Amino acid sequence: MPARDGLRPQRLYAVPRRQVTAALTAPVTRRLVVTDAGYSPAPARFEVSRPAGSRQTVVICAGGSGWADVGGNRHRIGAGAALVIPAGTPHAYGGSPSSPWTVWWCHLRGSDVPELVEALGAPVVPIRNLDRAVALADEIVARLARDEDSPGRLVGVSGAAWKLLTQLIADRASAPSPAEDPLERAMDYLASRLDGTVRVPELAALVGVSPSHLTTLFRRATGGGVHAYQTTLRMERARLLLTTTEATVSEIARDVGYGDPFHFSRQFRQLHAMSPTDYRRTTPPKLILE
């Protein structure tokens, strides 16, 4: 893809399967090998749905924001965070329309990868040194871009991926507990209750802050209030269901917390300049990869 408006182009590289097979039996790369990697700058669209899961996946968000459904749980991914998904876990993720994300990503295999991913714990990891993480992710993509058919190329890629994962593990170990962050707790609560009504005073009491302080936290983090954030989550979920399922508009409305499908359709049209039905008809299905 050519660069436009001064943006770096979107990049995607996949290691041929025969090379992956050979790497998985080689002394170094059998422990960790990168099978695919890429870079997607804002505002390029980058959304993925994998109902059956895939290989271990690492996504580095360097700018903007996005969302992820991992194993049935909803997560928000902001700039300076990594999304880490274990192999075989059903998931979907994508960028926010209001704040498109810039991401680096890679898929991993190897005997040590499950243990490294397990050490990261929760799917979303805060990154303490974003510049270093981005540099390592970019090194992975750049090395794969080299037209080389040699074991040394994949060894170098594996080394960068190993450094990236161990940095994320160290960042996870030194990060404050999400239970200590009222904003993260509130966001997680909203994401888990898209089909219900949540009042700001009740949510504030749940996370231990005043309603006005909670509103301030949301405005600083998202640019909008609590209800605006909840609407964003609901619409992200609705778009995913419209493009990955055959559920009716009424069923989707109920799933995302709208008892009245007409109210849902009006809200959807207000944000997307088209009805849910038109969105389903004009939007290609989400990318589904093995």
Protein backbone atom coordinates (compact mmCIF):
# COMPACT_ATOMS: atom_id res chain seq x y z
CA MET A 1 0.00 0.00 0.00
CA PRO A 2 1.49 3.38 -0.95
CA ALA A 3 1.91 6.08 1.69
CA ARG A 4 -0.66 8.90 1.64
CA ASP A 5 -0.70 12.30 3.34
CA GLY A 6 2.74 11.70 4.84
CA LEU A 7 1.71 8.49 6.62
CA ARG A 8 3.93 5.45 6.73
CA PRO A 9 2.30 2.69 4.67
CA GLN A 10 0.48 -0.25 6.20
CA ARG A 11 2.72 -3.32 6.20
CA LEU A 12 2.04 -7.03 6.50
CA TYR A 13 4.54 -9.88 6.30
CA ALA A 14 4.06 -13.64 6.64
CA VAL A 15 6.85 -16.19 6.92
CA PRO A 16 6.41 -19.05 4.42
CA ARG A 17 5.15 -22.19 6.13
CA ARG A 18 8.15 -24.25 5.08
CA GLN A 19 10.42 -21.74 6.85
CA VAL A 20 8.23 -21.79 9.96
CA THR A 21 8.31 -25.59 10.00
CA ALA A 22 12.09 -25.59 9.72
CA ALA A 23 12.45 -22.89 12.38
CA LEU A 24 10.37 -24.90 14.86
CA THR A 25 13.00 -27.66 14.73
CA ALA A 26 16.07 -25.40 14.82
CA PRO A 27 18.05 -24.96 18.08
CA VAL A 28 17.10 -21.32 18.79
CA THR A 29 13.91 -20.55 16.91
CA ARG A 30 12.15 -23.70 18.10
CA ARG A 31 11.65 -21.83 21.37
CA LEU A 32 10.11 -18.74 19.76
CA VAL A 33 9.47 -17.87 16.14
CA VAL A 34 7.44 -15.02 14.62
CA THR A 35 5.14 -16.37 11.90
CA ASP A 36 3.47 -13.10 10.86
CA ALA A 37 3.86 -9.43 11.73
CA GLY A 38 2.60 -6.07 10.59
CA TYR A 39 2.08 -2.37 11.13
CA SER A 40 -1.19 -0.50 10.68
CA PRO A 41 -1.19 3.30 11.03
CA ALA A 42 -4.22 5.44 11.75
CA PRO A 43 -6.55 5.91 9.98
CA ALA A 44 -6.11 2.58 8.17
CA ARG A 45 -8.86 0.16 9.14
CA PHE A 46 -7.58 -2.81 11.12
CA GLU A 47 -10.26 -5.07 12.58
CA VAL A 48 -10.04 -8.81 13.08
CA SER A 49 -12.44 -11.56 14.15
CA ARG A 50 -11.18 -15.05 15.00
CA PRO A 51 -14.04 -17.10 16.50
CA ALA A 52 -11.83 -20.20 16.70
CA GLY A 53 -8.77 -18.40 18.00
CA SER A 54 -5.32 -18.38 16.40
CA ARG A 55 -1.65 -18.47 17.33
CA GLN A 56 -0.39 -16.36 20.22
CA THR A 57 -1.02 -12.75 19.26
CA VAL A 58 0.65 -9.55 20.47
CA VAL A 59 -0.68 -6.11 19.50
CA ILE A 60 1.13 -2.91 20.52
CA CYS A 61 -1.09 0.21 20.51
CA ALA A 62 1.11 3.27 19.98
CA GLY A 63 -1.65 5.81 19.36
CA GLY A 64 -5.42 6.18 19.36
CA SER A 65 -7.53 3.51 21.02
CA GLY A 66 -9.27 0.24 20.31
CA TRP A 67 -11.30 -2.57 21.80
CA ALA A 68 -11.00 -6.32 22.14
CA ASP A 69 -13.31 -9.22 22.95
CA VAL A 70 -11.10 -12.00 24.34
CA GLY A 71 -12.70 -15.22 25.50
CA GLY A 72 -16.04 -13.44 25.94
CA ASN A 73 -14.62 -10.53 27.98
CA ARG A 74 -14.55 -6.95 26.73
CA HIS A 75 -11.41 -4.82 27.03
CA ARG A 76 -10.40 -1.28 26.11
CA ILE A 77 -6.93 -0.75 24.64
CA GLY A 78 -5.47 2.75 24.78
CA ALA A 79 -2.21 4.20 23.54
CA GLY A 80 0.66 2.74 25.52
CA ALA A 81 -0.91 -0.67 26.06
CA ALA A 82 -0.36 -4.14 24.64
CA LEU A 83 -3.01 -6.72 23.83
CA VAL A 84 -1.76 -10.29 24.36
CA ILE A 85 -3.97 -13.22 23.36
CA PRO A 86 -3.13 -16.87 24.12
CA ALA A 87 -3.31 -19.41 21.32
CA GLY A 88 -6.72 -20.90 20.63
CA THR A 89 -8.66 -18.18 22.48
CA PRO A 90 -11.68 -16.83 20.54
CA HIS A 91 -11.26 -13.11 20.02
CA ALA A 92 -11.99 -10.02 18.00
CA TYR A 93 -10.42 -6.59 18.09
CA GLY A 94 -10.39 -3.30 16.23
CA GLY A 95 -9.72 0.41 16.39
CA SER A 96 -12.09 3.06 17.66
CA PRO A 97 -13.80 5.05 14.85
CA SER A 98 -13.54 8.25 16.89
CA SER A 99 -9.86 7.70 17.73
CA PRO A 100 -8.29 5.31 15.16
CA TRP A 101 -5.37 3.38 16.50
CA THR A 102 -1.83 2.87 15.28
CA VAL A 103 -0.65 -0.66 16.00
CA TRP A 104 2.19 -3.10 15.51
CA TRP A 105 1.31 -6.78 15.82
CA CYS A 106 2.81 -10.24 15.51
CA HIS A 107 1.88 -13.92 15.79
CA LEU A 108 4.17 -16.27 17.69
CA ARG A 109 4.88 -19.98 17.94
CA GLY A 110 7.47 -22.04 19.80
CA SER A 111 7.97 -24.15 22.90
CA ASP A 112 8.58 -21.17 25.23
CA VAL A 113 5.77 -18.95 23.95
CA PRO A 114 2.89 -20.36 26.06
CA GLU A 115 4.89 -19.84 29.25
CA LEU A 116 5.84 -16.28 28.26
CA VAL A 117 2.24 -15.40 27.42
CA GLU A 118 0.99 -16.99 30.64
CA ALA A 119 3.43 -14.83 32.62
CA LEU A 120 1.72 -11.74 31.21
CA GLY A 121 -1.57 -12.63 32.88
CA ALA A 122 -4.46 -10.40 31.76
CA PRO A 123 -4.84 -9.67 28.03
CA VAL A 124 -4.18 -5.92 28.34
CA VAL A 125 -0.71 -4.93 29.58
CA PRO A 126 0.31 -1.31 30.31
CA ILE A 127 3.61 -0.44 28.66
CA ARG A 128 6.01 1.62 30.76
CA ASN A 129 8.51 2.33 27.97
CA LEU A 130 6.41 2.70 24.83
CA ASP A 131 9.28 3.97 22.66
CA ARG A 132 11.32 0.83 23.36
CA ALA A 133 8.34 -1.47 22.76
CA VAL A 134 7.55 0.25 19.46
CA ALA A 135 11.21 0.07 18.42
CA LEU A 136 11.27 -3.68 19.06
CA ALA A 137 7.95 -4.24 17.26
CA ASP A 138 9.17 -2.17 14.33
CA GLU A 139 12.41 -4.16 14.28
CA ILE A 140 10.38 -7.37 14.00
CA VAL A 141 8.45 -6.01 11.01
CA ALA A 142 11.55 -4.52 9.37
CA ARG A 143 13.55 -7.75 9.68
CA LEU A 144 10.70 -9.78 8.19
CA ALA A 145 10.55 -7.32 5.30
CA ARG A 146 14.05 -8.31 4.22
CA ASP A 147 13.97 -10.66 1.27
CA GLU A 148 16.21 -13.27 2.82
CA ASP A 149 15.85 -17.04 2.86
CA SER A 150 18.24 -17.77 5.69
CA PRO A 151 17.93 -19.06 9.28
CA GLY A 152 19.76 -15.95 10.52
CA ARG A 153 16.89 -13.70 9.50
CA LEU A 154 14.40 -15.53 11.71
CA VAL A 155 16.88 -15.74 14.59
CA GLY A 156 17.14 -11.95 14.58
CA VAL A 157 13.35 -11.62 14.49
CA SER A 158 13.02 -14.09 17.36
CA GLY A 159 15.54 -12.11 19.40
CA ALA A 160 13.54 -8.90 19.00
CA ALA A 161 10.30 -10.72 19.87
CA TRP A 162 11.90 -12.25 22.96
CA LYS A 163 13.02 -8.80 24.14
CA LEU A 164 9.54 -7.41 23.51
CA LEU A 165 7.80 -10.14 25.50
CA THR A 166 10.22 -9.94 28.42
CA GLN A 167 9.77 -6.15 28.53
CA LEU A 168 6.00 -6.62 28.69
CA ILE A 169 6.40 -9.19 31.48
CA ALA A 170 8.54 -6.74 33.46
CA ASP A 171 6.00 -3.96 32.84
CA ARG A 172 3.19 -6.20 34.05
CA ALA A 173 5.09 -7.04 37.23
CA SER A 174 5.67 -3.38 38.07
CA ALA A 175 2.23 -2.06 37.09
CA PRO A 176 -0.27 -1.07 39.79
CA SER A 177 -3.16 -3.45 40.31
CA PRO A 178 -6.23 -2.59 38.21
CA ALA A 179 -8.18 -2.81 41.45
CA GLU A 180 -6.35 0.35 42.55
CA ASP A 181 -7.39 2.35 39.46
CA PRO A 182 -10.98 3.64 39.67
CA LEU A 183 -11.08 4.54 35.97
CA GLU A 184 -10.01 1.07 34.84
CA ARG A 185 -12.45 -0.54 37.26
CA ALA A 186 -15.26 1.65 35.98
CA MET A 187 -14.41 0.94 32.34
CA ASP A 188 -14.23 -2.80 32.99
CA TYR A 189 -17.59 -2.66 34.78
CA LEU A 190 -19.23 -0.83 31.86
CA ALA A 191 -17.71 -3.23 29.33
CA SER A 192 -19.13 -6.22 31.21
CA ARG A 193 -22.64 -4.75 31.37
CA LEU A 194 -23.41 -3.48 27.90
CA ASP A 195 -26.92 -4.89 28.11
CA GLY A 196 -27.85 -2.99 31.28
CA THR A 197 -28.34 0.53 32.55
CA VAL A 198 -25.58 1.96 34.73
CA ARG A 199 -26.08 5.20 36.66
CA VAL A 200 -23.09 7.45 37.29
CA PRO A 201 -23.63 7.81 41.08
CA GLU A 202 -23.87 4.04 41.48
CA LEU A 203 -20.78 3.46 39.35
CA ALA A 204 -18.84 6.12 41.25
CA ALA A 205 -19.77 4.54 44.58
CA LEU A 206 -18.70 1.14 43.25
CA VAL A 207 -15.18 2.36 42.42
CA GLY A 208 -14.85 4.61 45.47
CA VAL A 209 -14.89 8.14 44.01
CA SER A 210 -17.42 10.96 43.74
CA PRO A 211 -19.64 11.21 40.62
CA SER A 212 -17.97 14.48 39.61
CA HIS A 213 -14.48 13.02 39.97
CA LEU A 214 -15.45 9.95 37.95
CA THR A 215 -16.83 12.17 35.20
CA THR A 216 -13.58 14.14 35.19
CA LEU A 217 -11.53 10.94 34.91
CA PHE A 218 -13.59 9.79 31.92
CA ARG A 219 -13.36 13.16 30.18
CA ARG A 220 -9.58 13.22 30.59
CA ALA A 221 -9.18 9.68 29.27
CA THR A 222 -11.79 9.60 26.52
CA GLY A 223 -12.86 13.17 25.79
CA GLY A 224 -16.44 12.40 26.86
CA GLY A 225 -18.49 11.43 29.87
CA VAL A 226 -19.47 8.07 31.33
CA HIS A 227 -22.60 7.65 29.22
CA ALA A 228 -20.76 8.67 26.04
CA TYR A 229 -18.16 5.98 26.75
CA GLN A 230 -20.86 3.40 27.37
CA THR A 231 -22.51 4.35 24.07
CA THR A 232 -19.16 3.94 22.30
CA LEU A 233 -18.78 0.44 23.74
CA ARG A 234 -22.32 -0.47 22.74
CA MET A 235 -21.85 0.74 19.19
CA GLU A 236 -18.53 -1.09 18.84
CA ARG A 237 -20.26 -4.27 19.93
CA ALA A 238 -23.18 -3.59 17.59
CA ARG A 239 -20.88 -3.11 14.60
CA LEU A 240 -19.12 -6.37 15.39
CA LEU A 241 -22.42 -8.26 15.60
CA LEU A 242 -23.70 -6.68 12.40
CA THR A 243 -20.67 -7.85 10.42
CA THR A 244 -19.97 -11.22 12.04
CA THR A 245 -23.44 -12.63 12.83
CA GLU A 246 -26.87 -12.96 11.22
CA ALA A 247 -28.67 -11.63 14.30
CA THR A 248 -31.55 -9.27 13.57
CA VAL A 249 -31.32 -5.58 14.38
CA SER A 250 -33.80 -6.10 17.23
CA GLU A 251 -31.68 -8.91 18.69
CA ILE A 252 -28.54 -6.82 18.44
CA ALA A 253 -30.31 -3.86 20.05
CA ARG A 254 -31.23 -6.02 23.05
CA ASP A 255 -27.73 -7.48 23.24
CA VAL A 256 -26.18 -4.02 23.58
CA GLY A 257 -28.68 -2.63 26.05
CA TYR A 258 -31.45 -1.03 23.97
CA GLY A 259 -34.92 -2.30 24.80
CA ASP A 260 -36.36 -0.26 21.93
CA PRO A 261 -34.83 -1.21 18.55
CA PHE A 262 -36.03 2.07 17.04
CA HIS A 263 -34.09 4.03 19.66
CA PHE A 264 -31.05 1.87 18.92
CA SER A 265 -31.40 2.52 15.18
CA ARG A 266 -31.71 6.27 15.74
CA GLN A 267 -28.62 6.27 17.96
CA PHE A 268 -26.70 4.17 15.44
CA ARG A 269 -27.69 6.45 12.56
CA GLN A 270 -26.69 9.53 14.55
CA LEU A 271 -23.17 8.17 15.08
CA HIS A 272 -22.61 6.41 11.75
CA ALA A 273 -24.74 8.44 9.29
CA MET A 274 -26.52 5.26 8.21
CA SER A 275 -28.92 2.70 9.63
CA PRO A 276 -27.75 -0.63 11.09
CA THR A 277 -29.21 -2.40 8.06
CA ASP A 278 -27.33 -0.16 5.64
CA TYR A 279 -24.13 -0.60 7.66
CA ARG A 280 -24.45 -4.39 7.42
CA ARG A 281 -25.10 -4.22 3.69
CA THR A 282 -22.26 -1.83 2.83
CA THR A 283 -19.56 -2.97 5.26
CA PRO A 284 -17.48 -6.05 4.39
CA PRO A 285 -17.42 -8.82 7.00
CA LYS A 286 -14.64 -8.47 9.56
CA LEU A 287 -11.38 -10.10 8.58
CA ILE A 288 -11.29 -13.67 9.86
CA LEU A 289 -7.84 -15.27 9.95
CA GLU A 290 -6.61 -18.68 10.92
